[in-house]
N, C-alpha and C. Protein backbone atom coordinates (compact mmCIF):
# COMPACT_ATOMS: atom_id res chain seq x y z
N MET A 1 123.00 140.91 240.26
CA MET A 1 123.34 142.23 239.98
C MET A 1 121.96 143.12 240.42
N LYS A 2 121.93 144.30 240.66
CA LYS A 2 121.64 145.53 241.77
C LYS A 2 120.93 146.30 240.20
N LYS A 3 119.91 146.45 239.95
CA LYS A 3 119.48 147.47 239.13
C LYS A 3 119.49 148.48 239.44
N PHE A 4 119.33 149.69 238.53
CA PHE A 4 119.66 151.07 238.85
C PHE A 4 118.45 151.68 238.87
N THR A 5 118.41 152.91 239.64
CA THR A 5 117.56 153.60 240.24
C THR A 5 117.35 154.52 238.94
N VAL A 6 115.94 154.94 238.57
CA VAL A 6 115.75 156.50 237.85
C VAL A 6 116.54 157.44 238.55
N VAL A 7 117.51 157.82 239.57
CA VAL A 7 118.20 158.76 240.00
C VAL A 7 119.66 158.31 239.77
N GLU A 8 119.87 157.33 240.12
CA GLU A 8 121.10 156.98 239.94
C GLU A 8 121.37 156.90 238.15
N LEU A 9 120.34 156.69 237.69
CA LEU A 9 120.90 156.85 236.28
C LEU A 9 120.64 158.29 235.78
N LEU A 10 119.77 159.04 236.14
CA LEU A 10 120.03 160.72 236.14
C LEU A 10 121.13 161.20 236.32
N ILE A 11 121.89 160.69 237.67
CA ILE A 11 123.15 161.04 237.89
C ILE A 11 124.25 160.37 237.23
N LEU A 12 124.46 159.51 236.45
CA LEU A 12 125.27 158.93 235.47
C LEU A 12 125.65 159.88 234.35
N VAL A 13 124.13 160.07 233.99
CA VAL A 13 124.13 161.13 232.69
C VAL A 13 124.71 162.09 232.98
N VAL A 14 124.05 162.72 233.57
CA VAL A 14 124.79 164.30 234.44
C VAL A 14 126.19 164.29 234.32
N CYS A 15 126.69 163.65 234.62
CA CYS A 15 128.58 162.91 235.08
C CYS A 15 128.60 163.20 233.83
N VAL A 16 128.22 162.24 232.62
CA VAL A 16 128.67 162.36 230.95
C VAL A 16 128.51 163.63 230.55
N VAL A 17 127.57 164.16 230.58
CA VAL A 17 127.49 165.51 230.11
C VAL A 17 128.37 166.49 230.57
N CYS A 18 128.63 166.67 232.01
CA CYS A 18 129.87 166.91 232.36
C CYS A 18 131.07 166.90 231.63
N ILE A 19 131.00 165.69 231.49
CA ILE A 19 132.71 165.19 230.90
C ILE A 19 133.03 165.93 229.60
N PHE A 20 131.72 165.80 229.02
CA PHE A 20 131.68 166.48 227.19
C PHE A 20 132.05 167.89 227.16
N ILE A 21 131.28 168.38 228.53
CA ILE A 21 131.14 170.02 228.16
C ILE A 21 132.49 170.24 228.36
N SER A 22 133.19 169.70 229.92
CA SER A 22 135.09 169.85 230.12
C SER A 22 135.49 169.56 228.54
N GLU A 23 135.30 168.44 228.20
CA GLU A 23 136.29 168.48 227.01
C GLU A 23 135.97 169.38 225.53
N TYR A 24 135.16 169.78 225.85
CA TYR A 24 134.75 170.79 224.59
C TYR A 24 135.11 172.19 224.63
N LEU A 25 134.93 172.22 226.10
CA LEU A 25 135.47 173.65 226.73
C LEU A 25 137.16 173.36 226.41
N PHE A 26 137.90 172.39 226.73
CA PHE A 26 139.39 172.71 226.58
C PHE A 26 139.12 172.58 225.11
N ILE A 27 139.43 171.75 224.09
CA ILE A 27 139.56 171.32 223.41
C ILE A 27 138.99 172.73 221.72
N VAL A 28 137.85 172.74 222.21
CA VAL A 28 136.96 174.01 221.16
C VAL A 28 137.30 175.38 221.41
N GLU A 29 137.48 175.82 222.61
CA GLU A 29 137.16 177.17 223.53
C GLU A 29 138.19 177.30 223.90
N ASN A 30 139.80 176.15 223.85
CA ASN A 30 140.68 176.74 224.59
C ASN A 30 140.43 177.35 226.01
N ASN A 31 140.21 176.45 226.51
CA ASN A 31 139.69 177.38 228.10
C ASN A 31 140.06 176.51 228.98
N PRO A 32 141.43 175.47 229.46
CA PRO A 32 141.95 175.10 230.11
C PRO A 32 141.39 175.52 231.64
N GLN A 33 141.25 176.12 232.46
CA GLN A 33 140.67 176.62 233.51
C GLN A 33 139.23 176.29 234.07
N LYS A 34 138.30 176.55 233.10
CA LYS A 34 137.32 176.38 233.20
C LYS A 34 136.76 174.69 232.65
N ALA A 35 137.34 174.41 231.97
CA ALA A 35 137.70 172.81 231.62
C ALA A 35 137.86 171.63 232.68
N ILE A 36 138.92 172.13 233.61
CA ILE A 36 139.18 171.70 234.76
C ILE A 36 138.02 171.74 235.99
N PHE A 37 137.71 173.27 235.95
CA PHE A 37 136.95 173.69 236.76
C PHE A 37 135.57 172.49 236.73
N ILE A 38 135.30 172.57 235.68
CA ILE A 38 133.87 171.77 235.24
C ILE A 38 134.05 170.01 235.51
N GLY A 39 135.14 169.54 234.44
CA GLY A 39 135.82 168.20 234.68
C GLY A 39 136.38 167.76 236.28
N LEU A 40 136.08 168.64 237.31
CA LEU A 40 136.57 167.71 238.64
C LEU A 40 134.84 167.42 239.05
N TRP A 41 133.59 167.73 238.68
CA TRP A 41 132.55 167.54 239.25
C TRP A 41 132.12 166.76 239.05
N PRO A 42 132.42 165.65 238.11
CA PRO A 42 131.52 164.17 237.83
C PRO A 42 132.29 163.68 238.80
N PRO A 43 133.81 163.37 239.14
CA PRO A 43 134.03 162.62 240.57
C PRO A 43 133.90 162.74 241.70
N THR A 44 133.71 164.15 241.82
CA THR A 44 132.92 164.35 242.96
C THR A 44 131.27 163.86 243.20
N ILE A 45 130.39 163.95 242.23
CA ILE A 45 129.39 163.82 242.18
C ILE A 45 128.91 161.94 242.42
N LEU A 46 130.14 161.71 241.69
CA LEU A 46 130.32 160.04 241.50
C LEU A 46 130.37 159.48 243.17
N GLY A 47 131.39 160.02 243.58
CA GLY A 47 131.66 159.86 245.07
C GLY A 47 130.70 160.16 246.35
N LEU A 48 130.23 161.12 245.96
CA LEU A 48 129.02 161.51 247.12
C LEU A 48 127.95 160.22 246.59
N LEU A 49 127.82 159.99 245.45
CA LEU A 49 126.64 158.67 244.88
C LEU A 49 127.22 157.51 246.16
N ASN A 50 128.42 157.29 245.59
CA ASN A 50 128.66 156.01 246.13
C ASN A 50 128.59 156.08 247.75
N PHE A 51 128.94 157.25 248.49
CA PHE A 51 128.93 157.54 249.84
C PHE A 51 127.54 157.23 250.35
N PHE A 52 126.19 157.64 249.81
CA PHE A 52 125.01 157.53 249.95
C PHE A 52 124.59 156.34 249.87
N ASN A 53 124.99 155.57 248.29
CA ASN A 53 124.66 154.23 248.83
C ASN A 53 125.30 153.62 249.65
N ALA A 54 126.55 153.84 250.10
CA ALA A 54 127.10 152.47 251.20
C ALA A 54 126.17 153.25 252.60
N LYS A 55 126.07 154.37 252.75
CA LYS A 55 124.85 154.65 254.14
C LYS A 55 123.62 153.70 254.29
N LYS A 56 123.39 154.26 252.67
CA LYS A 56 121.65 153.22 252.41
C LYS A 56 122.12 151.49 252.71
N ASN A 57 123.03 150.89 252.50
CA ASN A 57 123.07 149.82 252.44
C ASN A 57 123.28 149.06 253.92
N ASN A 58 123.51 150.46 254.84
CA ASN A 58 124.13 149.75 255.95
C ASN A 58 123.10 149.71 257.35
């Protein structure tokens, strides 16, 4: 099993924080447009991480 690097863990934490901020904006602030905008960043960031890891392994 591969160990996670510090950068990968940091990116994962940032993605989780983005998801919680998005949920907060949607539920508490009642601002769905901002919530959707912020909520779309974690999949984009994780996709880039996967892309760079695939490039690194080849």
